[in-house]
Amino acid sequence: MKIVLVGRDLKDRDRLWRASEGVGGCTVASTGPERLLAFLTENQPVDLIVIDLDEGGPELLAALATAAETALLPGRVLGYFSHVQEDTGRAARAAGVEAYPRSRFWRELPELLSKEPGDP
């Protein structure tokens, strides 16, 4: 499974890397929306995108919409955000991202990685 992390936090990268070892590991892309689109164009197929929504902001959600229009977006996009930024979570969900508060995301990550697109 090819997983792309969109976030700069090295601790997050390591946590995702450890959790994803059983499903093939992960690749790390930078947080800039322009870089994400270029990365997706150059590195297909991608199975899953994981996003630090606190870093990405509305520009990243717009880039995801563009990626969806050009068929670059994988079946699943997971995101995590600070629990005090519930507006960020709502905006991400409206854009089709499976968005979770940061602590829940990291606690449930092994289960989230084992789900198939469309699983409840």
PDB file of N, CA and C in Angstrom:
ATOM      1  N   MET A   1       0.851  -1.178   0.000  1.00  0.00           N
ATOM      2  CA  MET A   1       0.000   0.000   0.000  1.00  0.00           C
ATOM      3  C   MET A   1       0.897   1.242   0.000  1.00  0.00           C
ATOM      4  N   LYS A   2       0.624   2.154  -0.907  1.00  0.00           N
ATOM      5  CA  LYS A   2       1.396   3.390  -0.969  1.00  0.00           C
ATOM      6  C   LYS A   2       0.626   4.479  -0.230  1.00  0.00           C
ATOM      7  N   ILE A   3       1.216   4.959   0.855  1.00  0.00           N
ATOM      8  CA  ILE A   3       0.597   5.972   1.701  1.00  0.00           C
ATOM      9  C   ILE A   3       1.426   7.246   1.605  1.00  0.00           C
ATOM     10  N   VAL A   4       0.756   8.372   1.428  1.00  0.00           N
ATOM     11  CA  VAL A   4       1.433   9.662   1.387  1.00  0.00           C
ATOM     12  C   VAL A   4       0.993  10.472   2.602  1.00  0.00           C
ATOM     13  N   LEU A   5       1.959  10.931   3.376  1.00  0.00           N
ATOM     14  CA  LEU A   5       1.689  11.821   4.504  1.00  0.00           C
ATOM     15  C   LEU A   5       1.930  13.251   4.040  1.00  0.00           C
ATOM     16  N   VAL A   6       0.938  14.092   4.218  1.00  0.00           N
ATOM     17  CA  VAL A   6       1.094  15.512   3.907  1.00  0.00           C
ATOM     18  C   VAL A   6       1.193  16.237   5.242  1.00  0.00           C
ATOM     19  N   GLY A   7       2.418  16.454   5.674  1.00  0.00           N
ATOM     20  CA  GLY A   7       2.695  17.097   6.949  1.00  0.00           C
ATOM     21  C   GLY A   7       4.188  17.123   7.195  1.00  0.00           C
ATOM     22  N   ARG A   8       4.625  18.104   7.968  1.00  0.00           N
ATOM     23  CA  ARG A   8       6.058  18.273   8.185  1.00  0.00           C
ATOM     24  C   ARG A   8       6.560  17.731   9.510  1.00  0.00           C
ATOM     25  N   ASP A   9       5.681  17.365  10.412  1.00  0.00           N
ATOM     26  CA  ASP A   9       6.097  16.938  11.741  1.00  0.00           C
ATOM     27  C   ASP A   9       6.816  15.586  11.655  1.00  0.00           C
ATOM     28  N   LEU A  10       8.071  15.570  12.034  1.00  0.00           N
ATOM     29  CA  LEU A  10       8.862  14.332  11.950  1.00  0.00           C
ATOM     30  C   LEU A  10       8.326  13.249  12.880  1.00  0.00           C
ATOM     31  N   LYS A  11       7.791  13.641  14.016  1.00  0.00           N
ATOM     32  CA  LYS A  11       7.219  12.661  14.941  1.00  0.00           C
ATOM     33  C   LYS A  11       5.993  11.997  14.307  1.00  0.00           C
ATOM     34  N   ASP A  12       5.165  12.790  13.629  1.00  0.00           N
ATOM     35  CA  ASP A  12       4.002  12.226  12.941  1.00  0.00           C
ATOM     36  C   ASP A  12       4.448  11.272  11.847  1.00  0.00           C
ATOM     37  N   ARG A  13       5.476  11.665  11.102  1.00  0.00           N
ATOM     38  CA  ARG A  13       5.991  10.796  10.038  1.00  0.00           C
ATOM     39  C   ARG A  13       6.449   9.457  10.613  1.00  0.00           C
ATOM     40  N   ASP A  14       7.172   9.501  11.724  1.00  0.00           N
ATOM     41  CA  ASP A  14       7.639   8.259  12.339  1.00  0.00           C
ATOM     42  C   ASP A  14       6.490   7.410  12.853  1.00  0.00           C
ATOM     43  N   ARG A  15       5.489   8.050  13.460  1.00  0.00           N
ATOM     44  CA  ARG A  15       4.337   7.299  13.962  1.00  0.00           C
ATOM     45  C   ARG A  15       3.584   6.623  12.825  1.00  0.00           C
ATOM     46  N   LEU A  16       3.387   7.343  11.727  1.00  0.00           N
ATOM     47  CA  LEU A  16       2.699   6.758  10.579  1.00  0.00           C
ATOM     48  C   LEU A  16       3.538   5.651   9.967  1.00  0.00           C
ATOM     49  N   TRP A  17       4.825   5.877   9.876  1.00  0.00           N
ATOM     50  CA  TRP A  17       5.716   4.860   9.314  1.00  0.00           C
ATOM     51  C   TRP A  17       5.615   3.558  10.112  1.00  0.00           C
ATOM     52  N   ARG A  18       5.677   3.652  11.443  1.00  0.00           N
ATOM     53  CA  ARG A  18       5.585   2.449  12.288  1.00  0.00           C
ATOM     54  C   ARG A  18       4.230   1.776  12.132  1.00  0.00           C
ATOM     55  N   ALA A  19       3.161   2.569  12.120  1.00  0.00           N
ATOM     56  CA  ALA A  19       1.817   1.992  12.009  1.00  0.00           C
ATOM     57  C   ALA A  19       1.569   1.379  10.636  1.00  0.00           C
ATOM     58  N   SER A  20       2.249   1.878   9.612  1.00  0.00           N
ATOM     59  CA  SER A  20       1.997   1.409   8.250  1.00  0.00           C
ATOM     60  C   SER A  20       2.923   0.286   7.807  1.00  0.00           C
ATOM     61  N   GLU A  21       3.838  -0.110   8.640  1.00  0.00           N
ATOM     62  CA  GLU A  21       4.772  -1.167   8.242  1.00  0.00           C
ATOM     63  C   GLU A  21       4.060  -2.434   7.797  1.00  0.00           C
ATOM     64  N   GLY A  22       2.967  -2.752   8.435  1.00  0.00           N
ATOM     65  CA  GLY A  22       2.233  -3.960   8.087  1.00  0.00           C
ATOM     66  C   GLY A  22       1.479  -3.879   6.780  1.00  0.00           C
ATOM     67  N   VAL A  23       1.320  -2.647   6.227  1.00  0.00           N
ATOM     68  CA  VAL A  23       0.587  -2.494   4.976  1.00  0.00           C
ATOM     69  C   VAL A  23       1.473  -1.924   3.869  1.00  0.00           C
ATOM     70  N   GLY A  24       2.779  -1.961   4.053  1.00  0.00           N
ATOM     71  CA  GLY A  24       3.682  -1.562   2.983  1.00  0.00           C
ATOM     72  C   GLY A  24       4.465  -0.291   3.191  1.00  0.00           C
ATOM     73  N   GLY A  25       4.326   0.356   4.336  1.00  0.00           N
ATOM     74  CA  GLY A  25       5.100   1.570   4.586  1.00  0.00           C
ATOM     75  C   GLY A  25       4.448   2.793   3.988  1.00  0.00           C
ATOM     76  N   CYS A  26       5.151   3.932   4.053  1.00  0.00           N
ATOM     77  CA  CYS A  26       4.574   5.172   3.551  1.00  0.00           C
ATOM     78  C   CYS A  26       5.629   6.032   2.886  1.00  0.00           C
ATOM     79  N   THR A  27       5.161   6.973   2.102  1.00  0.00           N
ATOM     80  CA  THR A  27       5.981   7.967   1.450  1.00  0.00           C
ATOM     81  C   THR A  27       5.562   9.315   2.009  1.00  0.00           C
ATOM     82  N   VAL A  28       6.486  10.252   2.139  1.00  0.00           N
ATOM     83  CA  VAL A  28       6.173  11.543   2.735  1.00  0.00           C
ATOM     84  C   VAL A  28       6.267  12.649   1.687  1.00  0.00           C
ATOM     85  N   ALA A  29       5.227  13.456   1.588  1.00  0.00           N
ATOM     86  CA  ALA A  29       5.221  14.624   0.707  1.00  0.00           C
ATOM     87  C   ALA A  29       5.152  15.878   1.575  1.00  0.00           C
ATOM     88  N   SER A  30       5.532  17.017   1.027  1.00  0.00           N
ATOM     89  CA  SER A  30       5.455  18.264   1.780  1.00  0.00           C
ATOM     90  C   SER A  30       4.009  18.740   1.863  1.00  0.00           C
ATOM     91  N   THR A  31       3.766  19.750   2.694  1.00  0.00           N
ATOM     92  CA  THR A  31       2.396  20.198   2.936  1.00  0.00           C
ATOM     93  C   THR A  31       1.855  21.165   1.905  1.00  0.00           C
ATOM     94  N   GLY A  32       2.681  21.738   1.060  1.00  0.00           N
ATOM     95  CA  GLY A  32       2.179  22.722   0.100  1.00  0.00           C
ATOM     96  C   GLY A  32       1.213  22.117  -0.891  1.00  0.00           C
ATOM     97  N   PRO A  33       0.083  22.772  -1.151  1.00  0.00           N
ATOM     98  CA  PRO A  33      -0.893  22.230  -2.094  1.00  0.00           C
ATOM     99  C   PRO A  33      -0.314  22.010  -3.492  1.00  0.00           C
ATOM    100  N   GLU A  34       0.531  22.918  -3.954  1.00  0.00           N
ATOM    101  CA  GLU A  34       1.119  22.755  -5.278  1.00  0.00           C
ATOM    102  C   GLU A  34       2.007  21.520  -5.310  1.00  0.00           C
ATOM    103  N   ARG A  35       2.768  21.310  -4.281  1.00  0.00           N
ATOM    104  CA  ARG A  35       3.663  20.154  -4.210  1.00  0.00           C
ATOM    105  C   ARG A  35       2.855  18.862  -4.153  1.00  0.00           C
ATOM    106  N   LEU A  36       1.740  18.866  -3.448  1.00  0.00           N
ATOM    107  CA  LEU A  36       0.917  17.659  -3.368  1.00  0.00           C
ATOM    108  C   LEU A  36       0.437  17.250  -4.752  1.00  0.00           C
ATOM    109  N   LEU A  37      -0.071  18.191  -5.523  1.00  0.00           N
ATOM    110  CA  LEU A  37      -0.557  17.859  -6.862  1.00  0.00           C
ATOM    111  C   LEU A  37       0.572  17.335  -7.739  1.00  0.00           C
ATOM    112  N   ALA A  38       1.738  17.967  -7.656  1.00  0.00           N
ATOM    113  CA  ALA A  38       2.882  17.498  -8.443  1.00  0.00           C
ATOM    114  C   ALA A  38       3.296  16.104  -7.995  1.00  0.00           C
ATOM    115  N   PHE A  39       3.327  15.884  -6.698  1.00  0.00           N
ATOM    116  CA  PHE A  39       3.701  14.579  -6.174  1.00  0.00           C
ATOM    117  C   PHE A  39       2.737  13.509  -6.652  1.00  0.00           C
ATOM    118  N   LEU A  40       1.433  13.786  -6.571  1.00  0.00           N
ATOM    119  CA  LEU A  40       0.440  12.807  -7.006  1.00  0.00           C
ATOM    120  C   LEU A  40       0.553  12.529  -8.501  1.00  0.00           C
ATOM    121  N   THR A  41       0.849  13.549  -9.275  1.00  0.00           N
ATOM    122  CA  THR A  41       1.014  13.368 -10.713  1.00  0.00           C
ATOM    123  C   THR A  41       2.186  12.447 -11.017  1.00  0.00           C
ATOM    124  N   GLU A  42       3.278  12.601 -10.276  1.00  0.00           N
ATOM    125  CA  GLU A  42       4.510  11.852 -10.531  1.00  0.00           C
ATOM    126  C   GLU A  42       4.547  10.476  -9.870  1.00  0.00           C
ATOM    127  N   ASN A  43       3.678  10.209  -8.915  1.00  0.00           N
ATOM    128  CA  ASN A  43       3.819   8.998  -8.096  1.00  0.00           C
ATOM    129  C   ASN A  43       2.552   8.156  -8.029  1.00  0.00           C
ATOM    130  N   GLN A  44       1.866   7.998  -9.117  1.00  0.00           N
ATOM    131  CA  GLN A  44       0.669   7.156  -9.128  1.00  0.00           C
ATOM    132  C   GLN A  44       1.063   5.699  -9.248  1.00  0.00           C
ATOM    133  N   PRO A  45       0.315   4.762  -8.740  1.00  0.00           N
ATOM    134  CA  PRO A  45      -0.890   4.981  -7.955  1.00  0.00           C
ATOM    135  C   PRO A  45      -0.566   5.223  -6.485  1.00  0.00           C
ATOM    136  N   VAL A  46      -1.400   5.990  -5.839  1.00  0.00           N
ATOM    137  CA  VAL A  46      -1.331   6.236  -4.398  1.00  0.00           C
ATOM    138  C   VAL A  46      -2.597   5.632  -3.805  1.00  0.00           C
ATOM    139  N   ASP A  47      -2.453   4.866  -2.740  1.00  0.00           N
ATOM    140  CA  ASP A  47      -3.605   4.202  -2.130  1.00  0.00           C
ATOM    141  C   ASP A  47      -4.290   5.038  -1.062  1.00  0.00           C
ATOM    142  N   LEU A  48      -3.514   5.841  -0.347  1.00  0.00           N
ATOM    143  CA  LEU A  48      -4.052   6.575   0.797  1.00  0.00           C
ATOM    144  C   LEU A  48      -3.250   7.842   1.006  1.00  0.00           C
ATOM    145  N   ILE A  49      -3.955   8.940   1.290  1.00  0.00           N
ATOM    146  CA  ILE A  49      -3.307  10.189   1.677  1.00  0.00           C
ATOM    147  C   ILE A  49      -3.689  10.457   3.126  1.00  0.00           C
ATOM    148  N   VAL A  50      -2.696  10.794   3.952  1.00  0.00           N
ATOM    149  CA  VAL A  50      -2.913  11.180   5.341  1.00  0.00           C
ATOM    150  C   VAL A  50      -2.464  12.631   5.472  1.00  0.00           C
ATOM    151  N   ILE A  51      -3.337  13.486   6.022  1.00  0.00           N
ATOM    152  CA  ILE A  51      -3.084  14.925   6.044  1.00  0.00           C
ATOM    153  C   ILE A  51      -3.146  15.485   7.455  1.00  0.00           C
ATOM    154  N   ASP A  52      -2.140  16.294   7.783  1.00  0.00           N
ATOM    155  CA  ASP A  52      -2.200  17.122   8.986  1.00  0.00           C
ATOM    156  C   ASP A  52      -3.005  18.355   8.589  1.00  0.00           C
ATOM    157  N   LEU A  53      -4.280  18.371   8.926  1.00  0.00           N
ATOM    158  CA  LEU A  53      -5.178  19.432   8.487  1.00  0.00           C
ATOM    159  C   LEU A  53      -4.854  20.774   9.129  1.00  0.00           C
ATOM    160  N   ASP A  54      -4.220  20.768  10.293  1.00  0.00           N
ATOM    161  CA  ASP A  54      -3.846  22.028  10.925  1.00  0.00           C
ATOM    162  C   ASP A  54      -2.795  22.763  10.104  1.00  0.00           C
ATOM    163  N   GLU A  55      -1.957  22.042   9.409  1.00  0.00           N
ATOM    164  CA  GLU A  55      -0.933  22.660   8.564  1.00  0.00           C
ATOM    165  C   GLU A  55      -1.464  23.017   7.180  1.00  0.00           C
ATOM    166  N   GLY A  56      -2.345  22.196   6.643  1.00  0.00           N
ATOM    167  CA  GLY A  56      -2.754  22.340   5.248  1.00  0.00           C
ATOM    168  C   GLY A  56      -3.671  23.499   4.962  1.00  0.00           C
ATOM    169  N   GLY A  57      -4.671  23.695   5.792  1.00  0.00           N
ATOM    170  CA  GLY A  57      -5.599  24.790   5.609  1.00  0.00           C
ATOM    171  C   GLY A  57      -6.484  24.659   4.384  1.00  0.00           C
ATOM    172  N   PRO A  58      -7.230  25.720   4.086  1.00  0.00           N
ATOM    173  CA  PRO A  58      -8.166  25.714   2.960  1.00  0.00           C
ATOM    174  C   PRO A  58      -7.482  25.495   1.607  1.00  0.00           C
ATOM    175  N   GLU A  59      -6.235  25.954   1.473  1.00  0.00           N
ATOM    176  CA  GLU A  59      -5.535  25.772   0.201  1.00  0.00           C
ATOM    177  C   GLU A  59      -5.341  24.293  -0.109  1.00  0.00           C
ATOM    178  N   LEU A  60      -5.056  23.524   0.923  1.00  0.00           N
ATOM    179  CA  LEU A  60      -4.867  22.094   0.720  1.00  0.00           C
ATOM    180  C   LEU A  60      -6.177  21.415   0.353  1.00  0.00           C
ATOM    181  N   LEU A  61      -7.270  21.826   0.983  1.00  0.00           N
ATOM    182  CA  LEU A  61      -8.571  21.253   0.627  1.00  0.00           C
ATOM    183  C   LEU A  61      -8.919  21.589  -0.826  1.00  0.00           C
ATOM    184  N   ALA A  62      -8.564  22.774  -1.277  1.00  0.00           N
ATOM    185  CA  ALA A  62      -8.786  23.142  -2.677  1.00  0.00           C
ATOM    186  C   ALA A  62      -7.932  22.269  -3.595  1.00  0.00           C
ATOM    187  N   ALA A  63      -6.699  21.989  -3.185  1.00  0.00           N
ATOM    188  CA  ALA A  63      -5.828  21.123  -3.989  1.00  0.00           C
ATOM    189  C   ALA A  63      -6.403  19.716  -4.068  1.00  0.00           C
ATOM    190  N   LEU A  64      -7.005  19.239  -2.976  1.00  0.00           N
ATOM    191  CA  LEU A  64      -7.641  17.916  -2.993  1.00  0.00           C
ATOM    192  C   LEU A  64      -8.800  17.893  -3.978  1.00  0.00           C
ATOM    193  N   ALA A  65      -9.568  18.972  -4.023  1.00  0.00           N
ATOM    194  CA  ALA A  65     -10.679  19.046  -4.977  1.00  0.00           C
ATOM    195  C   ALA A  65     -10.148  18.981  -6.405  1.00  0.00           C
ATOM    196  N   THR A  66      -9.055  19.680  -6.674  1.00  0.00           N
ATOM    197  CA  THR A  66      -8.435  19.633  -7.997  1.00  0.00           C
ATOM    198  C   THR A  66      -7.949  18.223  -8.313  1.00  0.00           C
ATOM    199  N   ALA A  67      -7.328  17.586  -7.337  1.00  0.00           N
ATOM    200  CA  ALA A  67      -6.842  16.219  -7.537  1.00  0.00           C
ATOM    201  C   ALA A  67      -8.000  15.271  -7.832  1.00  0.00           C
ATOM    202  N   ALA A  68      -9.126  15.464  -7.167  1.00  0.00           N
ATOM    203  CA  ALA A  68     -10.297  14.617  -7.412  1.00  0.00           C
ATOM    204  C   ALA A  68     -10.821  14.820  -8.838  1.00  0.00           C
ATOM    205  N   GLU A  69     -10.819  16.072  -9.304  1.00  0.00           N
ATOM    206  CA  GLU A  69     -11.298  16.369 -10.659  1.00  0.00           C
ATOM    207  C   GLU A  69     -10.397  15.755 -11.727  1.00  0.00           C
ATOM    208  N   THR A  70      -9.128  15.590 -11.431  1.00  0.00           N
ATOM    209  CA  THR A  70      -8.180  15.053 -12.413  1.00  0.00           C
ATOM    210  C   THR A  70      -7.868  13.583 -12.164  1.00  0.00           C
ATOM    211  N   ALA A  71      -8.665  12.931 -11.329  1.00  0.00           N
ATOM    212  CA  ALA A  71      -8.528  11.500 -11.036  1.00  0.00           C
ATOM    213  C   ALA A  71      -7.187  11.135 -10.395  1.00  0.00           C
ATOM    214  N   LEU A  72      -6.555  12.068  -9.701  1.00  0.00           N
ATOM    215  CA  LEU A  72      -5.305  11.778  -8.996  1.00  0.00           C
ATOM    216  C   LEU A  72      -5.539  11.367  -7.552  1.00  0.00           C
ATOM    217  N   LEU A  73      -6.737  11.598  -7.050  1.00  0.00           N
ATOM    218  CA  LEU A  73      -7.029  11.331  -5.652  1.00  0.00           C
ATOM    219  C   LEU A  73      -7.313   9.850  -5.437  1.00  0.00           C
ATOM    220  N   PRO A  74      -6.696   9.249  -4.416  1.00  0.00           N
ATOM    221  CA  PRO A  74      -6.976   7.838  -4.131  1.00  0.00           C
ATOM    222  C   PRO A  74      -8.362   7.666  -3.523  1.00  0.00           C
ATOM    223  N   GLY A  75      -8.730   6.434  -3.291  1.00  0.00           N
ATOM    224  CA  GLY A  75     -10.031   6.131  -2.713  1.00  0.00           C
ATOM    225  C   GLY A  75     -10.228   6.668  -1.307  1.00  0.00           C
ATOM    226  N   ARG A  76      -9.138   6.856  -0.565  1.00  0.00           N
ATOM    227  CA  ARG A  76      -9.264   7.323   0.819  1.00  0.00           C
ATOM    228  C   ARG A  76      -8.290   8.458   1.102  1.00  0.00           C
ATOM    229  N   VAL A  77      -8.831   9.438   1.822  1.00  0.00           N
ATOM    230  CA  VAL A  77      -8.012  10.524   2.347  1.00  0.00           C
ATOM    231  C   VAL A  77      -8.375  10.656   3.812  1.00  0.00           C
ATOM    232  N   LEU A  78      -7.376  10.456   4.680  1.00  0.00           N
ATOM    233  CA  LEU A  78      -7.553  10.605   6.119  1.00  0.00           C
ATOM    234  C   LEU A  78      -6.918  11.908   6.558  1.00  0.00           C
ATOM    235  N   GLY A  79      -7.519  12.560   7.534  1.00  0.00           N
ATOM    236  CA  GLY A  79      -6.945  13.783   8.061  1.00  0.00           C
ATOM    237  C   GLY A  79      -7.099  13.846   9.564  1.00  0.00           C
ATOM    238  N   TYR A  80      -6.210  14.595  10.189  1.00  0.00           N
ATOM    239  CA  TYR A  80      -6.300  14.815  11.630  1.00  0.00           C
ATOM    240  C   TYR A  80      -6.100  16.289  11.925  1.00  0.00           C
ATOM    241  N   PHE A  81      -6.748  16.737  13.013  1.00  0.00           N
ATOM    242  CA  PHE A  81      -6.747  18.151  13.361  1.00  0.00           C
ATOM    243  C   PHE A  81      -6.810  18.293  14.883  1.00  0.00           C
ATOM    244  N   SER A  82      -6.439  19.476  15.345  1.00  0.00           N
ATOM    245  CA  SER A  82      -6.531  19.773  16.773  1.00  0.00           C
ATOM    246  C   SER A  82      -8.000  19.765  17.183  1.00  0.00           C
ATOM    247  N   HIS A  83      -8.300  19.180  18.330  1.00  0.00           N
ATOM    248  CA  HIS A  83      -9.696  19.063  18.767  1.00  0.00           C
ATOM    249  C   HIS A  83     -10.368  20.427  18.949  1.00  0.00           C
ATOM    250  N   VAL A  84      -9.614  21.489  19.131  1.00  0.00           N
ATOM    251  CA  VAL A  84     -10.209  22.815  19.280  1.00  0.00           C
ATOM    252  C   VAL A  84     -10.493  23.471  17.925  1.00  0.00           C
ATOM    253  N   GLN A  85     -10.109  22.831  16.835  1.00  0.00           N
ATOM    254  CA  GLN A  85     -10.330  23.352  15.486  1.00  0.00           C
ATOM    255  C   GLN A  85     -11.431  22.557  14.782  1.00  0.00           C
ATOM    256  N   GLU A  86     -12.573  22.426  15.434  1.00  0.00           N
ATOM    257  CA  GLU A  86     -13.665  21.624  14.868  1.00  0.00           C
ATOM    258  C   GLU A  86     -14.127  22.149  13.508  1.00  0.00           C
ATOM    259  N   ASP A  87     -14.001  23.454  13.264  1.00  0.00           N
ATOM    260  CA  ASP A  87     -14.342  23.996  11.939  1.00  0.00           C
ATOM    261  C   ASP A  87     -13.461  23.373  10.857  1.00  0.00           C
ATOM    262  N   THR A  88     -12.205  23.143  11.191  1.00  0.00           N
ATOM    263  CA  THR A  88     -11.286  22.498  10.253  1.00  0.00           C
ATOM    264  C   THR A  88     -11.775  21.097   9.931  1.00  0.00           C
ATOM    265  N   GLY A  89     -12.189  20.365  10.948  1.00  0.00           N
ATOM    266  CA  GLY A  89     -12.713  19.022  10.745  1.00  0.00           C
ATOM    267  C   GLY A  89     -13.962  19.015   9.882  1.00  0.00           C
ATOM    268  N   ARG A  90     -14.871  19.946  10.137  1.00  0.00           N
ATOM    269  CA  ARG A  90     -16.103  20.028   9.337  1.00  0.00           C
ATOM    270  C   ARG A  90     -15.792  20.350   7.871  1.00  0.00           C
ATOM    271  N   ALA A  91     -14.895  21.304   7.646  1.00  0.00           N
ATOM    272  CA  ALA A  91     -14.540  21.676   6.272  1.00  0.00           C
ATOM    273  C   ALA A  91     -13.894  20.496   5.546  1.00  0.00           C
ATOM    274  N   ALA A  92     -13.052  19.770   6.244  1.00  0.00           N
ATOM    275  CA  ALA A  92     -12.391  18.610   5.634  1.00  0.00           C
ATOM    276  C   ALA A  92     -13.408  17.527   5.300  1.00  0.00           C
ATOM    277  N   ARG A  93     -14.325  17.266   6.211  1.00  0.00           N
ATOM    278  CA  ARG A  93     -15.351  16.252   5.951  1.00  0.00           C
ATOM    279  C   ARG A  93     -16.210  16.649   4.754  1.00  0.00           C
ATOM    280  N   ALA A  94     -16.529  17.931   4.655  1.00  0.00           N
ATOM    281  CA  ALA A  94     -17.314  18.416   3.516  1.00  0.00           C
ATOM    282  C   ALA A  94     -16.555  18.215   2.203  1.00  0.00           C
ATOM    283  N   ALA A  95     -15.218  18.197   2.280  1.00  0.00           N
ATOM    284  CA  ALA A  95     -14.387  17.983   1.089  1.00  0.00           C
ATOM    285  C   ALA A  95     -14.119  16.501   0.834  1.00  0.00           C
ATOM    286  N   GLY A  96     -14.722  15.617   1.628  1.00  0.00           N
ATOM    287  CA  GLY A  96     -14.570  14.188   1.405  1.00  0.00           C
ATOM    288  C   GLY A  96     -13.440  13.524   2.176  1.00  0.00           C
ATOM    289  N   VAL A  97     -12.849  14.246   3.122  1.00  0.00           N
ATOM    290  CA  VAL A  97     -11.767  13.696   3.939  1.00  0.00           C
ATOM    291  C   VAL A  97     -12.363  13.020   5.174  1.00  0.00           C
ATOM    292  N   GLU A  98     -11.853  11.838   5.511  1.00  0.00           N
ATOM    293  CA  GLU A  98     -12.216  11.198   6.776  1.00  0.00           C
ATOM    294  C   GLU A  98     -11.389  11.901   7.849  1.00  0.00           C
ATOM    295  N   ALA A  99     -11.989  12.884   8.528  1.00  0.00           N
ATOM    296  CA  ALA A  99     -11.251  13.745   9.449  1.00  0.00           C
ATOM    297  C   ALA A  99     -11.535  13.377  10.897  1.00  0.00           C
ATOM    298  N   TYR A 100     -10.460  13.308  11.698  1.00  0.00           N
ATOM    299  CA  TYR A 100     -10.536  12.916  13.101  1.00  0.00           C
ATOM    300  C   TYR A 100      -9.736  13.888  13.965  1.00  0.00           C
ATOM    301  N   PRO A 101     -10.187  14.112  15.192  1.00  0.00           N
ATOM    302  CA  PRO A 101      -9.330  14.849  16.120  1.00  0.00           C
ATOM    303  C   PRO A 101      -7.996  14.099  16.269  1.00  0.00           C
ATOM    304  N   ARG A 102      -6.927  14.839  16.425  1.00  0.00           N
ATOM    305  CA  ARG A 102      -5.570  14.289  16.437  1.00  0.00           C
ATOM    306  C   ARG A 102      -5.418  13.085  17.380  1.00  0.00           C
ATOM    307  N   SER A 103      -5.857  13.192  18.621  1.00  0.00           N
ATOM    308  CA  SER A 103      -5.647  12.092  19.573  1.00  0.00           C
ATOM    309  C   SER A 103      -6.402  10.838  19.148  1.00  0.00           C
ATOM    310  N   ARG A 104      -7.624  10.994  18.660  1.00  0.00           N
ATOM    311  CA  ARG A 104      -8.394   9.829  18.189  1.00  0.00           C
ATOM    312  C   ARG A 104      -7.729   9.212  16.961  1.00  0.00           C
ATOM    313  N   PHE A 105      -7.268  10.052  16.046  1.00  0.00           N
ATOM    314  CA  PHE A 105      -6.616   9.557  14.834  1.00  0.00           C
ATOM    315  C   PHE A 105      -5.436   8.659  15.183  1.00  0.00           C
ATOM    316  N   TRP A 106      -4.535   9.134  16.030  1.00  0.00           N
ATOM    317  CA  TRP A 106      -3.341   8.342  16.350  1.00  0.00           C
ATOM    318  C   TRP A 106      -3.686   7.099  17.162  1.00  0.00           C
ATOM    319  N   ARG A 107      -4.697   7.186  17.998  1.00  0.00           N
ATOM    320  CA  ARG A 107      -5.114   6.024  18.788  1.00  0.00           C
ATOM    321  C   ARG A 107      -5.720   4.941  17.893  1.00  0.00           C
ATOM    322  N   GLU A 108      -6.493   5.344  16.876  1.00  0.00           N
ATOM    323  CA  GLU A 108      -7.210   4.392  16.018  1.00  0.00           C
ATOM    324  C   GLU A 108      -6.500   4.106  14.695  1.00  0.00           C
ATOM    325  N   LEU A 109      -5.302   4.647  14.512  1.00  0.00           N
ATOM    326  CA  LEU A 109      -4.626   4.526  13.218  1.00  0.00           C
ATOM    327  C   LEU A 109      -4.489   3.089  12.710  1.00  0.00           C
ATOM    328  N   PRO A 110      -4.069   2.119  13.519  1.00  0.00           N
ATOM    329  CA  PRO A 110      -3.968   0.753  12.964  1.00  0.00           C
ATOM    330  C   PRO A 110      -5.294   0.254  12.373  1.00  0.00           C
ATOM    331  N   GLU A 111      -6.402   0.548  13.043  1.00  0.00           N
ATOM    332  CA  GLU A 111      -7.707   0.134  12.521  1.00  0.00           C
ATOM    333  C   GLU A 111      -8.064   0.923  11.268  1.00  0.00           C
ATOM    334  N   LEU A 112      -7.756   2.219  11.259  1.00  0.00           N
ATOM    335  CA  LEU A 112      -8.061   3.049  10.091  1.00  0.00           C
ATOM    336  C   LEU A 112      -7.295   2.568   8.860  1.00  0.00           C
ATOM    337  N   LEU A 113      -6.056   2.164   9.050  1.00  0.00           N
ATOM    338  CA  LEU A 113      -5.254   1.696   7.923  1.00  0.00           C
ATOM    339  C   LEU A 113      -5.757   0.374   7.361  1.00  0.00           C
ATOM    340  N   SER A 114      -6.405  -0.427   8.187  1.00  0.00           N
ATOM    341  CA  SER A 114      -6.871  -1.724   7.725  1.00  0.00           C
ATOM    342  C   SER A 114      -8.238  -1.653   7.046  1.00  0.00           C
ATOM    343  N   LYS A 115      -8.914  -0.521   7.122  1.00  0.00           N
ATOM    344  CA  LYS A 115     -10.215  -0.369   6.483  1.00  0.00           C
ATOM    345  C   LYS A 115     -10.068  -0.242   4.972  1.00  0.00           C
ATOM    346  N   GLU A 116     -11.094  -0.640   4.282  1.00  0.00           N
ATOM    347  CA  GLU A 116     -11.193  -0.459   2.840  1.00  0.00           C
ATOM    348  C   GLU A 116     -12.025   0.798   2.568  1.00  0.00           C
ATOM    349  N   PRO A 117     -11.864   1.437   1.404  1.00  0.00           N
ATOM    350  CA  PRO A 117     -12.711   2.577   1.079  1.00  0.00           C
ATOM    351  C   PRO A 117     -14.187   2.219   1.210  1.00  0.00           C
ATOM    352  N   GLY A 118     -14.950   3.089   1.862  1.00  0.00           N
ATOM    353  CA  GLY A 118     -16.374   2.854   2.033  1.00  0.00           C
ATOM    354  C   GLY A 118     -16.756   2.091   3.276  1.00  0.00           C
ATOM    355  N   ASP A 119     -15.772   1.493   3.988  1.00  0.00           N
ATOM    356  CA  ASP A 119     -16.073   0.810   5.239  1.00  0.00           C
ATOM    357  C   ASP A 119     -16.538   1.834   6.275  1.00  0.00           C
ATOM    358  N   PRO A 120     -17.500   1.444   7.126  1.00  0.00           N
ATOM    359  CA  PRO A 120     -17.960   2.391   8.175  1.00  0.00           C
ATOM    360  C   PRO A 120     -16.907   2.600   9.244  1.00  0.00           C
TER     361      PRO A 120
END
